[in-house]
Amino acid sequence: GGVIFARLYYVIFNWNYYSRHLLEIFMTWRGGLSIHGVIIGSILIIYFYTKHHKISLLKYTDLFAYGMIFAQAIGRWGNFFNSEAFGSPTNLPWKLYIPPANRPLEYINFEYFHPTFLYESLWNITVFIILITVVRKNFKDKTGSITCFYFILYSFGRFIIEGLRIDNIYVIFGLPIAQFISIIMFSVGVIGLYLVLKRK
């Protein structure tokens, strides 16, 4: 279910292209899966599942957060193999070579770019470690705290890293869609954490 939402999210925000290449909507092996789409889709599925079975939503989203952030750390390496989702040109020692066929036309003369997939993968691993150590230890009696910290920490890193990307097409209020969604997720996490900690 999460994969379907990941593709749907990506297609919606790149509809100008896919409206003219409808068959490519189903060609997921070419890339084009949105992590934000996975998160939104998975939480919707968990919501309806827990509502149907009358069980705690936050307990399940807490478990989901552990697995999700770890899967994101691994999944980002798909961007490396597809030579996609890279950042602006750079000459840093850890620069990433991008083949000409995968470079935007305005950057065709540049060879090396920021490996933003690596930055996010490392950040996601860091978040995972924080969740299973610091947060789980200090907030073990606060159901929902893992979910909230996941939203806060992941969105914080994603917002910063997204600023290095050069493949942002859809913009809302002057921000790339991923940064805009990150602000929403961060805000939801902060408000949710306040409510979780306030609850006795």
N, C-alpha and C. Protein backbone atom coordinates (compact mmCIF):
# COMPACT_ATOMS: atom_id res chain seq x y z
N GLY A 1 0.81 -1.20 0.00
CA GLY A 1 0.00 0.00 0.00
C GLY A 1 0.85 1.26 0.00
N GLY A 2 1.92 1.23 0.80
CA GLY A 2 2.80 2.39 0.89
C GLY A 2 3.45 2.70 -0.45
N VAL A 3 3.81 1.66 -1.20
CA VAL A 3 4.47 1.85 -2.50
C VAL A 3 3.51 2.51 -3.48
N ILE A 4 2.23 2.11 -3.43
CA ILE A 4 1.23 2.71 -4.31
C ILE A 4 1.10 4.20 -4.03
N PHE A 5 1.03 4.55 -2.75
CA PHE A 5 0.93 5.96 -2.39
C PHE A 5 2.21 6.71 -2.76
N ALA A 6 3.35 6.03 -2.66
CA ALA A 6 4.63 6.65 -3.01
C ALA A 6 4.64 7.05 -4.48
N ARG A 7 4.13 6.16 -5.32
CA ARG A 7 4.08 6.43 -6.75
C ARG A 7 3.02 7.48 -7.08
N LEU A 8 1.86 7.34 -6.44
CA LEU A 8 0.76 8.27 -6.69
C LEU A 8 1.16 9.69 -6.35
N TYR A 9 1.80 9.86 -5.21
CA TYR A 9 2.26 11.17 -4.76
C TYR A 9 3.22 11.77 -5.79
N TYR A 10 4.17 10.96 -6.25
CA TYR A 10 5.18 11.44 -7.20
C TYR A 10 4.53 11.83 -8.53
N VAL A 11 3.59 11.00 -8.99
CA VAL A 11 2.93 11.27 -10.27
C VAL A 11 2.09 12.54 -10.20
N ILE A 12 1.37 12.73 -9.09
CA ILE A 12 0.53 13.92 -8.93
C ILE A 12 1.36 15.20 -9.04
N PHE A 13 2.50 15.22 -8.39
CA PHE A 13 3.32 16.43 -8.39
C PHE A 13 4.25 16.53 -9.60
N ASN A 14 4.14 15.56 -10.49
CA ASN A 14 4.87 15.63 -11.77
C ASN A 14 3.90 15.36 -12.91
N TRP A 15 2.65 15.81 -12.72
CA TRP A 15 1.60 15.48 -13.67
C TRP A 15 1.83 16.10 -15.05
N ASN A 16 2.49 17.22 -15.13
CA ASN A 16 2.76 17.83 -16.43
C ASN A 16 3.51 16.87 -17.34
N TYR A 17 4.39 16.08 -16.74
CA TYR A 17 5.15 15.09 -17.53
C TYR A 17 4.31 13.84 -17.77
N TYR A 18 3.74 13.28 -16.70
CA TYR A 18 3.04 11.99 -16.83
C TYR A 18 1.73 12.09 -17.59
N SER A 19 1.14 13.27 -17.68
CA SER A 19 -0.08 13.42 -18.47
C SER A 19 0.21 13.20 -19.95
N ARG A 20 1.47 13.36 -20.33
CA ARG A 20 1.88 13.14 -21.72
C ARG A 20 2.58 11.80 -21.92
N HIS A 21 2.82 11.09 -20.80
CA HIS A 21 3.49 9.78 -20.86
C HIS A 21 2.79 8.83 -19.89
N LEU A 22 1.53 8.56 -20.16
CA LEU A 22 0.69 7.81 -19.22
C LEU A 22 1.23 6.41 -18.90
N LEU A 23 1.78 5.74 -19.88
CA LEU A 23 2.29 4.39 -19.64
C LEU A 23 3.45 4.38 -18.65
N GLU A 24 4.20 5.47 -18.60
CA GLU A 24 5.35 5.53 -17.70
C GLU A 24 4.94 5.62 -16.23
N ILE A 25 3.66 5.89 -15.99
CA ILE A 25 3.18 5.91 -14.60
C ILE A 25 3.44 4.58 -13.92
N PHE A 26 3.37 3.50 -14.70
CA PHE A 26 3.53 2.15 -14.14
C PHE A 26 4.98 1.67 -14.16
N MET A 27 5.89 2.45 -14.71
CA MET A 27 7.30 2.04 -14.82
C MET A 27 8.08 2.49 -13.58
N THR A 28 7.76 1.88 -12.45
CA THR A 28 8.38 2.28 -11.18
C THR A 28 9.86 1.94 -11.11
N TRP A 29 10.31 1.02 -11.94
CA TRP A 29 11.73 0.65 -11.92
C TRP A 29 12.62 1.77 -12.44
N ARG A 30 12.03 2.78 -13.04
CA ARG A 30 12.79 3.93 -13.52
C ARG A 30 12.96 5.00 -12.44
N GLY A 31 12.49 4.70 -11.27
CA GLY A 31 12.53 5.68 -10.18
C GLY A 31 11.21 6.43 -10.09
N GLY A 32 11.15 7.37 -9.16
CA GLY A 32 9.93 8.15 -9.03
C GLY A 32 9.01 7.66 -7.93
N LEU A 33 9.59 7.34 -6.77
CA LEU A 33 8.81 6.96 -5.60
C LEU A 33 9.08 8.00 -4.51
N SER A 34 8.03 8.55 -3.96
CA SER A 34 8.17 9.60 -2.96
C SER A 34 8.08 9.05 -1.54
N ILE A 35 9.08 9.36 -0.72
CA ILE A 35 9.07 8.92 0.67
C ILE A 35 7.91 9.56 1.43
N HIS A 36 7.63 10.81 1.15
CA HIS A 36 6.49 11.45 1.80
C HIS A 36 5.20 10.72 1.44
N GLY A 37 5.11 10.24 0.22
CA GLY A 37 3.94 9.47 -0.19
C GLY A 37 3.82 8.18 0.60
N VAL A 38 4.95 7.51 0.83
CA VAL A 38 4.96 6.28 1.63
C VAL A 38 4.47 6.57 3.05
N ILE A 39 4.99 7.64 3.64
CA ILE A 39 4.62 7.99 5.02
C ILE A 39 3.13 8.27 5.13
N ILE A 40 2.62 9.11 4.23
CA ILE A 40 1.20 9.47 4.26
C ILE A 40 0.33 8.24 4.04
N GLY A 41 0.68 7.45 3.03
CA GLY A 41 -0.10 6.26 2.72
C GLY A 41 -0.09 5.24 3.83
N SER A 42 1.08 5.01 4.41
CA SER A 42 1.21 4.02 5.48
C SER A 42 0.42 4.43 6.72
N ILE A 43 0.47 5.71 7.05
CA ILE A 43 -0.27 6.19 8.23
C ILE A 43 -1.78 6.08 8.00
N LEU A 44 -2.23 6.35 6.79
CA LEU A 44 -3.65 6.18 6.48
C LEU A 44 -4.07 4.73 6.62
N ILE A 45 -3.23 3.82 6.14
CA ILE A 45 -3.53 2.39 6.25
C ILE A 45 -3.58 1.97 7.72
N ILE A 46 -2.60 2.42 8.50
CA ILE A 46 -2.57 2.10 9.93
C ILE A 46 -3.80 2.68 10.63
N TYR A 47 -4.17 3.89 10.25
CA TYR A 47 -5.34 4.54 10.87
C TYR A 47 -6.60 3.70 10.67
N PHE A 48 -6.87 3.31 9.42
CA PHE A 48 -8.09 2.55 9.14
C PHE A 48 -8.02 1.15 9.76
N TYR A 49 -6.83 0.57 9.79
CA TYR A 49 -6.67 -0.76 10.40
C TYR A 49 -6.97 -0.71 11.89
N THR A 50 -6.36 0.25 12.59
CA THR A 50 -6.55 0.35 14.04
C THR A 50 -7.98 0.77 14.38
N LYS A 51 -8.57 1.60 13.55
CA LYS A 51 -9.95 2.03 13.78
C LYS A 51 -10.90 0.84 13.63
N HIS A 52 -10.64 0.02 12.61
CA HIS A 52 -11.49 -1.15 12.35
C HIS A 52 -11.39 -2.16 13.49
N HIS A 53 -10.17 -2.35 14.00
CA HIS A 53 -9.96 -3.35 15.05
C HIS A 53 -10.04 -2.76 16.46
N LYS A 54 -10.32 -1.44 16.53
CA LYS A 54 -10.48 -0.76 17.82
C LYS A 54 -9.25 -0.93 18.72
N ILE A 55 -8.09 -0.65 18.16
CA ILE A 55 -6.84 -0.73 18.91
C ILE A 55 -6.11 0.61 18.81
N SER A 56 -5.08 0.78 19.63
CA SER A 56 -4.38 2.07 19.73
C SER A 56 -3.64 2.44 18.44
N LEU A 57 -4.00 3.58 17.90
CA LEU A 57 -3.32 4.08 16.70
C LEU A 57 -1.87 4.42 16.99
N LEU A 58 -1.62 5.14 18.09
CA LEU A 58 -0.27 5.62 18.39
C LEU A 58 0.70 4.49 18.71
N LYS A 59 0.21 3.40 19.31
CA LYS A 59 1.11 2.27 19.58
C LYS A 59 1.63 1.69 18.26
N TYR A 60 0.75 1.64 17.28
CA TYR A 60 1.15 1.09 15.99
C TYR A 60 2.03 2.07 15.21
N THR A 61 1.73 3.36 15.30
CA THR A 61 2.57 4.32 14.58
C THR A 61 3.96 4.42 15.23
N ASP A 62 4.03 4.18 16.54
CA ASP A 62 5.35 4.14 17.21
C ASP A 62 6.19 3.00 16.65
N LEU A 63 5.58 1.84 16.49
CA LEU A 63 6.30 0.69 15.91
C LEU A 63 6.65 0.98 14.45
N PHE A 64 5.73 1.59 13.75
CA PHE A 64 5.94 1.94 12.34
C PHE A 64 7.13 2.88 12.18
N ALA A 65 7.26 3.83 13.11
CA ALA A 65 8.32 4.84 13.01
C ALA A 65 9.71 4.21 13.02
N TYR A 66 9.91 3.21 13.89
CA TYR A 66 11.21 2.53 13.94
C TYR A 66 11.56 1.92 12.58
N GLY A 67 10.62 1.13 12.07
CA GLY A 67 10.88 0.44 10.80
C GLY A 67 10.97 1.38 9.62
N MET A 68 10.15 2.42 9.65
CA MET A 68 10.09 3.34 8.53
C MET A 68 11.38 4.11 8.35
N ILE A 69 11.90 4.67 9.43
CA ILE A 69 13.11 5.49 9.31
C ILE A 69 14.31 4.63 8.91
N PHE A 70 14.34 3.38 9.38
CA PHE A 70 15.43 2.47 8.99
C PHE A 70 15.31 2.10 7.52
N ALA A 71 14.07 1.84 7.08
CA ALA A 71 13.84 1.51 5.67
C ALA A 71 14.19 2.70 4.77
N GLN A 72 13.91 3.91 5.25
CA GLN A 72 14.26 5.10 4.48
C GLN A 72 15.77 5.22 4.30
N ALA A 73 16.51 4.89 5.34
CA ALA A 73 17.98 4.96 5.27
C ALA A 73 18.50 4.03 4.18
N ILE A 74 17.90 2.85 4.09
CA ILE A 74 18.31 1.88 3.06
C ILE A 74 17.78 2.29 1.69
N GLY A 75 16.51 2.69 1.66
CA GLY A 75 15.86 3.02 0.40
C GLY A 75 16.51 4.17 -0.35
N ARG A 76 17.11 5.10 0.37
CA ARG A 76 17.76 6.23 -0.29
C ARG A 76 18.88 5.80 -1.23
N TRP A 77 19.43 4.61 -1.00
CA TRP A 77 20.50 4.14 -1.88
C TRP A 77 19.99 3.79 -3.27
N GLY A 78 18.67 3.66 -3.40
CA GLY A 78 18.10 3.47 -4.72
C GLY A 78 18.35 4.69 -5.60
N ASN A 79 18.39 5.87 -4.98
CA ASN A 79 18.71 7.10 -5.72
C ASN A 79 20.12 7.06 -6.29
N PHE A 80 21.02 6.41 -5.55
CA PHE A 80 22.40 6.28 -6.02
C PHE A 80 22.46 5.42 -7.28
N PHE A 81 21.78 4.27 -7.24
CA PHE A 81 21.81 3.35 -8.38
C PHE A 81 21.08 3.92 -9.59
N ASN A 82 20.10 4.80 -9.35
CA ASN A 82 19.37 5.42 -10.46
C ASN A 82 19.95 6.77 -10.87
N SER A 83 21.01 7.20 -10.18
CA SER A 83 21.63 8.52 -10.44
C SER A 83 20.58 9.62 -10.43
N GLU A 84 19.80 9.67 -9.34
CA GLU A 84 18.74 10.66 -9.22
C GLU A 84 18.76 11.28 -7.82
N ALA A 85 17.96 12.33 -7.65
CA ALA A 85 17.82 12.99 -6.34
C ALA A 85 19.16 13.45 -5.77
N PHE A 86 20.02 13.97 -6.64
CA PHE A 86 21.31 14.49 -6.18
C PHE A 86 21.22 16.00 -5.98
N GLY A 87 22.27 16.57 -5.42
CA GLY A 87 22.26 17.99 -5.09
C GLY A 87 22.97 18.86 -6.11
N SER A 88 23.31 20.03 -5.69
CA SER A 88 23.98 20.99 -6.57
C SER A 88 25.43 20.59 -6.82
N PRO A 89 26.07 21.18 -7.83
CA PRO A 89 27.47 20.85 -8.13
C PRO A 89 28.39 21.14 -6.95
N THR A 90 29.41 20.30 -6.79
CA THR A 90 30.36 20.49 -5.70
C THR A 90 31.69 19.84 -6.05
N ASN A 91 32.74 20.29 -5.38
CA ASN A 91 34.07 19.68 -5.52
C ASN A 91 34.56 19.11 -4.20
N LEU A 92 33.66 18.89 -3.28
CA LEU A 92 34.01 18.30 -1.99
C LEU A 92 34.57 16.90 -2.19
N PRO A 93 35.39 16.41 -1.27
CA PRO A 93 36.02 15.09 -1.42
C PRO A 93 35.02 13.95 -1.64
N TRP A 94 33.80 14.08 -1.09
CA TRP A 94 32.81 13.01 -1.22
C TRP A 94 31.82 13.28 -2.37
N LYS A 95 32.25 14.11 -3.32
CA LYS A 95 31.40 14.45 -4.47
C LYS A 95 30.97 13.19 -5.23
N LEU A 96 29.84 13.31 -5.90
CA LEU A 96 29.25 12.18 -6.63
C LEU A 96 29.25 12.48 -8.13
N TYR A 97 29.79 11.55 -8.91
CA TYR A 97 29.77 11.71 -10.37
C TYR A 97 28.40 11.32 -10.90
N ILE A 98 27.85 12.18 -11.74
CA ILE A 98 26.55 11.92 -12.36
C ILE A 98 26.75 11.87 -13.88
N PRO A 99 26.32 10.78 -14.54
CA PRO A 99 26.45 10.68 -15.99
C PRO A 99 25.70 11.81 -16.69
N PRO A 100 26.18 12.26 -17.83
CA PRO A 100 25.53 13.36 -18.56
C PRO A 100 24.04 13.14 -18.81
N ALA A 101 23.66 11.90 -19.08
CA ALA A 101 22.26 11.60 -19.38
C ALA A 101 21.33 11.88 -18.20
N ASN A 102 21.89 11.92 -17.00
CA ASN A 102 21.07 12.13 -15.80
C ASN A 102 21.15 13.55 -15.25
N ARG A 103 21.92 14.39 -15.91
CA ARG A 103 22.07 15.77 -15.44
C ARG A 103 21.00 16.68 -16.05
N PRO A 104 20.48 17.62 -15.27
CA PRO A 104 19.58 18.63 -15.85
C PRO A 104 20.35 19.42 -16.90
N LEU A 105 19.67 19.89 -17.92
CA LEU A 105 20.33 20.59 -19.02
C LEU A 105 21.16 21.77 -18.55
N GLU A 106 20.66 22.49 -17.55
CA GLU A 106 21.40 23.67 -17.08
C GLU A 106 22.66 23.31 -16.31
N TYR A 107 22.81 22.01 -15.99
CA TYR A 107 24.01 21.56 -15.27
C TYR A 107 24.80 20.54 -16.08
N ILE A 108 24.58 20.51 -17.38
CA ILE A 108 25.18 19.49 -18.23
C ILE A 108 26.70 19.54 -18.23
N ASN A 109 27.28 20.69 -17.98
CA ASN A 109 28.74 20.82 -18.00
C ASN A 109 29.40 20.53 -16.66
N PHE A 110 28.59 20.23 -15.66
CA PHE A 110 29.12 19.86 -14.35
C PHE A 110 29.16 18.33 -14.23
N GLU A 111 30.20 17.82 -13.60
CA GLU A 111 30.34 16.37 -13.48
C GLU A 111 30.02 15.85 -12.08
N TYR A 112 30.31 16.64 -11.06
CA TYR A 112 30.19 16.16 -9.68
C TYR A 112 29.17 16.98 -8.89
N PHE A 113 28.40 16.25 -8.08
CA PHE A 113 27.29 16.87 -7.36
C PHE A 113 27.24 16.37 -5.91
N HIS A 114 26.51 17.11 -5.08
CA HIS A 114 26.30 16.68 -3.70
C HIS A 114 25.53 15.36 -3.68
N PRO A 115 26.01 14.35 -2.96
CA PRO A 115 25.28 13.08 -2.83
C PRO A 115 24.20 13.20 -1.76
N THR A 116 23.14 13.92 -2.07
CA THR A 116 22.11 14.18 -1.06
C THR A 116 21.46 12.90 -0.56
N PHE A 117 21.44 11.87 -1.40
CA PHE A 117 20.91 10.58 -0.94
C PHE A 117 21.72 10.07 0.24
N LEU A 118 23.05 10.27 0.19
CA LEU A 118 23.93 9.82 1.28
C LEU A 118 23.69 10.65 2.53
N TYR A 119 23.55 11.95 2.36
CA TYR A 119 23.28 12.82 3.51
C TYR A 119 22.01 12.37 4.23
N GLU A 120 20.97 12.12 3.44
CA GLU A 120 19.70 11.74 4.07
C GLU A 120 19.77 10.34 4.67
N SER A 121 20.47 9.45 4.01
CA SER A 121 20.62 8.10 4.55
C SER A 121 21.31 8.13 5.90
N LEU A 122 22.39 8.90 6.00
CA LEU A 122 23.12 9.02 7.26
C LEU A 122 22.27 9.70 8.33
N TRP A 123 21.51 10.71 7.92
CA TRP A 123 20.63 11.40 8.87
C TRP A 123 19.55 10.44 9.39
N ASN A 124 18.99 9.64 8.48
CA ASN A 124 17.95 8.69 8.88
C ASN A 124 18.49 7.64 9.86
N ILE A 125 19.71 7.19 9.64
CA ILE A 125 20.33 6.25 10.58
C ILE A 125 20.51 6.92 11.94
N THR A 126 20.92 8.19 11.92
CA THR A 126 21.07 8.94 13.17
C THR A 126 19.74 9.05 13.90
N VAL A 127 18.68 9.35 13.17
CA VAL A 127 17.34 9.45 13.77
C VAL A 127 16.93 8.11 14.35
N PHE A 128 17.19 7.03 13.62
CA PHE A 128 16.85 5.69 14.10
C PHE A 128 17.53 5.40 15.43
N ILE A 129 18.81 5.72 15.52
CA ILE A 129 19.57 5.49 16.75
C ILE A 129 19.01 6.33 17.90
N ILE A 130 18.67 7.58 17.60
CA ILE A 130 18.09 8.45 18.64
C ILE A 130 16.76 7.89 19.13
N LEU A 131 15.95 7.39 18.21
CA LEU A 131 14.64 6.86 18.59
C LEU A 131 14.74 5.62 19.47
N ILE A 132 15.66 4.70 19.11
CA ILE A 132 15.73 3.44 19.86
C ILE A 132 16.55 3.56 21.14
N THR A 133 17.24 4.66 21.31
CA THR A 133 18.04 4.84 22.54
C THR A 133 17.46 5.95 23.40
N VAL A 134 17.71 7.18 23.02
CA VAL A 134 17.32 8.34 23.84
C VAL A 134 15.81 8.43 24.05
N VAL A 135 15.05 8.41 22.95
CA VAL A 135 13.60 8.62 23.06
C VAL A 135 12.93 7.45 23.76
N ARG A 136 13.25 6.24 23.35
CA ARG A 136 12.60 5.07 23.95
C ARG A 136 12.90 4.97 25.45
N LYS A 137 14.10 5.36 25.85
CA LYS A 137 14.50 5.29 27.26
C LYS A 137 13.81 6.36 28.09
N ASN A 138 13.74 7.57 27.58
CA ASN A 138 13.25 8.70 28.36
C ASN A 138 11.75 8.95 28.23
N PHE A 139 11.12 8.35 27.22
CA PHE A 139 9.68 8.57 27.02
C PHE A 139 8.93 7.25 26.89
N LYS A 140 9.40 6.20 27.56
CA LYS A 140 8.83 4.86 27.39
C LYS A 140 7.38 4.77 27.83
N ASP A 141 6.94 5.64 28.72
CA ASP A 141 5.55 5.61 29.20
C ASP A 141 4.65 6.55 28.42
N LYS A 142 5.19 7.21 27.42
CA LYS A 142 4.43 8.18 26.65
C LYS A 142 4.16 7.65 25.24
N THR A 143 3.06 6.92 25.11
CA THR A 143 2.69 6.37 23.81
C THR A 143 2.48 7.50 22.80
N GLY A 144 3.10 7.39 21.66
CA GLY A 144 3.01 8.42 20.63
C GLY A 144 4.25 9.29 20.55
N SER A 145 5.10 9.23 21.57
CA SER A 145 6.30 10.08 21.57
C SER A 145 7.27 9.68 20.46
N ILE A 146 7.38 8.39 20.20
CA ILE A 146 8.26 7.92 19.12
C ILE A 146 7.79 8.49 17.79
N THR A 147 6.49 8.41 17.56
CA THR A 147 5.92 8.94 16.32
C THR A 147 6.21 10.43 16.16
N CYS A 148 6.00 11.18 17.23
CA CYS A 148 6.20 12.63 17.19
C CYS A 148 7.66 13.00 16.96
N PHE A 149 8.56 12.33 17.67
CA PHE A 149 9.99 12.61 17.48
C PHE A 149 10.44 12.21 16.08
N TYR A 150 9.87 11.14 15.55
CA TYR A 150 10.17 10.73 14.17
C TYR A 150 9.79 11.85 13.20
N PHE A 151 8.59 12.38 13.35
CA PHE A 151 8.14 13.48 12.49
C PHE A 151 9.06 14.68 12.62
N ILE A 152 9.40 15.04 13.84
CA ILE A 152 10.22 16.23 14.10
C ILE A 152 11.63 16.07 13.54
N LEU A 153 12.29 14.98 13.90
CA LEU A 153 13.69 14.79 13.52
C LEU A 153 13.85 14.55 12.03
N TYR A 154 13.02 13.67 11.47
CA TYR A 154 13.14 13.39 10.04
C TYR A 154 12.88 14.65 9.22
N SER A 155 11.82 15.38 9.56
CA SER A 155 11.45 16.57 8.80
C SER A 155 12.50 17.66 8.89
N PHE A 156 13.12 17.79 10.06
CA PHE A 156 14.18 18.78 10.24
C PHE A 156 15.33 18.51 9.27
N GLY A 157 15.80 17.26 9.23
CA GLY A 157 16.90 16.91 8.34
C GLY A 157 16.50 17.00 6.88
N ARG A 158 15.29 16.53 6.57
CA ARG A 158 14.84 16.54 5.18
C ARG A 158 14.73 17.96 4.64
N PHE A 159 14.25 18.88 5.47
CA PHE A 159 14.10 20.27 5.04
C PHE A 159 15.46 20.86 4.65
N ILE A 160 16.46 20.62 5.47
CA ILE A 160 17.79 21.17 5.20
C ILE A 160 18.42 20.53 3.96
N ILE A 161 18.36 19.20 3.89
CA ILE A 161 18.97 18.49 2.77
C ILE A 161 18.28 18.83 1.46
N GLU A 162 16.97 18.99 1.53
CA GLU A 162 16.20 19.31 0.32
C GLU A 162 16.65 20.63 -0.29
N GLY A 163 17.19 21.52 0.53
CA GLY A 163 17.67 22.80 0.04
C GLY A 163 18.85 22.67 -0.92
N LEU A 164 19.51 21.51 -0.90
CA LEU A 164 20.64 21.27 -1.79
C LEU A 164 20.22 20.65 -3.12
N ARG A 165 19.00 20.15 -3.17
CA ARG A 165 18.54 19.45 -4.37
C ARG A 165 18.31 20.42 -5.52
N ILE A 166 18.50 19.93 -6.75
CA ILE A 166 18.30 20.77 -7.93
C ILE A 166 17.20 20.22 -8.83
N ASP A 167 16.50 19.19 -8.36
CA ASP A 167 15.48 18.55 -9.19
C ASP A 167 14.07 18.87 -8.71
N ASN A 168 13.92 19.92 -7.90
CA ASN A 168 12.60 20.29 -7.41
C ASN A 168 11.79 20.96 -8.52
N ILE A 169 10.64 20.38 -8.81
CA ILE A 169 9.80 20.90 -9.89
C ILE A 169 8.61 21.67 -9.34
N TYR A 170 7.90 21.06 -8.41
CA TYR A 170 6.67 21.66 -7.88
C TYR A 170 6.98 22.52 -6.67
N VAL A 171 6.49 23.75 -6.69
CA VAL A 171 6.78 24.71 -5.62
C VAL A 171 5.49 25.25 -5.01
N ILE A 172 5.44 25.35 -3.68
CA ILE A 172 4.30 25.92 -2.97
C ILE A 172 4.80 27.03 -2.06
N PHE A 173 4.22 28.22 -2.21
CA PHE A 173 4.63 29.38 -1.41
C PHE A 173 6.14 29.61 -1.47
N GLY A 174 6.71 29.38 -2.64
CA GLY A 174 8.13 29.63 -2.83
C GLY A 174 9.04 28.52 -2.34
N LEU A 175 8.45 27.43 -1.83
CA LEU A 175 9.24 26.31 -1.31
C LEU A 175 9.01 25.06 -2.16
N PRO A 176 10.05 24.25 -2.36
CA PRO A 176 9.85 22.95 -3.00
C PRO A 176 8.83 22.15 -2.19
N ILE A 177 8.04 21.33 -2.86
CA ILE A 177 6.97 20.60 -2.19
C ILE A 177 7.48 19.78 -1.00
N ALA A 178 8.67 19.18 -1.14
CA ALA A 178 9.21 18.35 -0.06
C ALA A 178 9.50 19.19 1.19
N GLN A 179 9.98 20.42 0.99
CA GLN A 179 10.23 21.29 2.14
C GLN A 179 8.91 21.76 2.76
N PHE A 180 7.93 22.02 1.93
CA PHE A 180 6.62 22.44 2.42
C PHE A 180 5.99 21.33 3.26
N ILE A 181 6.03 20.09 2.76
CA ILE A 181 5.49 18.95 3.50
C ILE A 181 6.29 18.72 4.78
N SER A 182 7.60 18.95 4.71
CA SER A 182 8.44 18.78 5.90
C SER A 182 8.04 19.75 7.01
N ILE A 183 7.70 20.98 6.63
CA ILE A 183 7.25 21.96 7.62
C ILE A 183 5.96 21.49 8.28
N ILE A 184 5.05 20.95 7.47
CA ILE A 184 3.79 20.45 8.02
C ILE A 184 4.04 19.29 8.97
N MET A 185 4.89 18.34 8.55
CA MET A 185 5.21 17.19 9.39
C MET A 185 5.88 17.62 10.69
N PHE A 186 6.79 18.56 10.58
CA PHE A 186 7.49 19.06 11.77
C PHE A 186 6.49 19.69 12.74
N SER A 187 5.58 20.49 12.20
CA SER A 187 4.57 21.16 13.04
C SER A 187 3.65 20.15 13.71
N VAL A 188 3.23 19.14 12.94
CA VAL A 188 2.38 18.08 13.50
C VAL A 188 3.12 17.36 14.62
N GLY A 189 4.41 17.10 14.40
CA GLY A 189 5.21 16.43 15.41
C GLY A 189 5.34 17.23 16.69
N VAL A 190 5.57 18.53 16.56
CA VAL A 190 5.72 19.40 17.74
C VAL A 190 4.40 19.49 18.51
N ILE A 191 3.31 19.73 17.80
CA ILE A 191 2.00 19.82 18.45
C ILE A 191 1.63 18.49 19.09
N GLY A 192 1.87 17.40 18.34
CA GLY A 192 1.56 16.07 18.87
C GLY A 192 2.37 15.75 20.11
N LEU A 193 3.65 16.12 20.11
CA LEU A 193 4.50 15.85 21.27
C LEU A 193 4.01 16.63 22.49
N TYR A 194 3.60 17.86 22.27
CA TYR A 194 3.06 18.67 23.36
C TYR A 194 1.84 17.98 23.97
N LEU A 195 0.95 17.48 23.13
CA LEU A 195 -0.26 16.81 23.62
C LEU A 195 0.06 15.49 24.31
N VAL A 196 1.03 14.76 23.76
CA VAL A 196 1.44 13.48 24.35
C VAL A 196 2.03 13.69 25.74
N LEU A 197 2.92 14.66 25.86
CA LEU A 197 3.57 14.92 27.15
C LEU A 197 2.61 15.53 28.17
N LYS A 198 1.62 16.24 27.67
CA LYS A 198 0.62 16.86 28.55
C LYS A 198 -0.33 15.81 29.12
N ARG A 199 -0.55 14.75 28.34
CA ARG A 199 -1.49 13.71 28.75
C ARG A 199 -0.96 12.94 29.95
N LYS A 200 -1.80 12.69 30.92
CA LYS A 200 -1.40 11.96 32.13
C LYS A 200 -1.62 10.47 31.96
